[in-house]
């Protein structure tokens, strides 16, 4: 097995629908400019309120990117 070295980046995604969609939105956007994403870890979950109602889920994740 070869050694793996990763760089961690932090992203925050949002979605009006769900926590899972917020994570997916962050990963999809990042995949347009990053390659080698291997894993993620949810570090923070919060919501944005408008008129006392949930407007968006906001999820912060750490993403491990393998180094070439």
Protein backbone atom coordinates (compact mmCIF):
# COMPACT_ATOMS: atom_id res chain seq x y z
CA UNK A 1 0.00 0.00 0.00
CA UNK A 2 1.40 3.39 -0.93
CA UNK A 3 1.51 6.32 1.47
CA UNK A 4 -1.23 8.91 1.10
CA UNK A 5 -0.82 12.61 1.81
CA UNK A 6 -3.79 14.95 1.82
CA UNK A 7 -4.35 18.67 1.90
CA UNK A 8 -7.45 19.72 3.83
CA UNK A 9 -9.65 22.55 2.63
CA UNK A 10 -12.74 23.95 4.29
CA UNK A 11 -15.95 24.61 2.37
CA UNK A 12 -19.43 25.77 3.34
CA UNK A 13 -22.37 24.76 1.19
CA UNK A 14 -25.99 25.79 1.49
CA UNK A 15 -29.37 24.51 0.39
CA UNK A 16 -32.99 25.42 1.07
CA UNK A 17 -33.86 21.70 1.04
CA UNK A 18 -31.57 19.63 3.27
CA UNK A 19 -28.22 19.15 4.97
CA UNK A 20 -27.32 16.50 2.40
CA UNK A 21 -28.03 18.90 -0.47
CA UNK A 22 -25.86 21.56 1.19
CA UNK A 23 -22.93 19.11 1.34
CA UNK A 24 -23.54 17.99 -2.25
CA UNK A 25 -23.67 21.60 -3.47
CA UNK A 26 -20.30 22.36 -1.85
CA UNK A 27 -18.69 19.23 -3.32
CA UNK A 28 -20.12 19.78 -6.81
CA UNK A 29 -18.91 23.38 -6.93
CA UNK A 30 -15.45 22.44 -5.64
CA UNK A 31 -15.13 19.60 -8.15
CA UNK A 32 -15.15 22.16 -10.98
CA UNK A 33 -11.72 23.44 -9.93
CA UNK A 34 -10.27 20.74 -7.64
CA UNK A 35 -9.20 17.23 -8.48
CA UNK A 36 -8.35 14.38 -6.17
CA UNK A 37 -11.04 14.93 -3.56
CA UNK A 38 -11.10 11.74 -1.48
CA UNK A 39 -13.12 12.30 1.70
CA UNK A 40 -15.05 14.87 3.68
CA UNK A 41 -15.92 15.51 7.32
CA UNK A 42 -18.86 17.63 8.50
CA UNK A 43 -17.54 20.13 11.04
CA UNK A 44 -20.48 22.49 11.48
CA UNK A 45 -24.18 22.57 10.69
CA UNK A 46 -26.36 25.63 11.01
CA UNK A 47 -29.42 27.23 9.46
CA UNK A 48 -30.29 30.63 8.09
CA UNK A 49 -33.64 32.05 9.16
CA UNK A 50 -35.89 34.48 7.30
CA UNK A 51 -39.15 35.67 8.84
CA UNK A 52 -38.69 33.14 11.67
CA UNK A 53 -38.58 30.23 9.20
CA UNK A 54 -35.76 28.05 7.96
CA UNK A 55 -34.50 29.51 4.69
CA UNK A 56 -31.26 27.58 4.11
CA UNK A 57 -29.18 24.85 5.66
CA UNK A 58 -25.50 25.80 5.88
CA UNK A 59 -22.97 22.99 6.31
CA UNK A 60 -19.22 23.43 6.73
CA UNK A 61 -17.05 20.50 5.69
CA UNK A 62 -13.35 19.68 5.59
CA UNK A 63 -12.37 17.99 2.34
CA UNK A 64 -9.27 15.85 1.92
CA UNK A 65 -7.55 16.36 -1.42
CA UNK A 66 -4.80 13.89 -2.34
CA UNK A 67 -1.52 15.49 -3.37
CA UNK A 68 0.13 14.49 -6.64
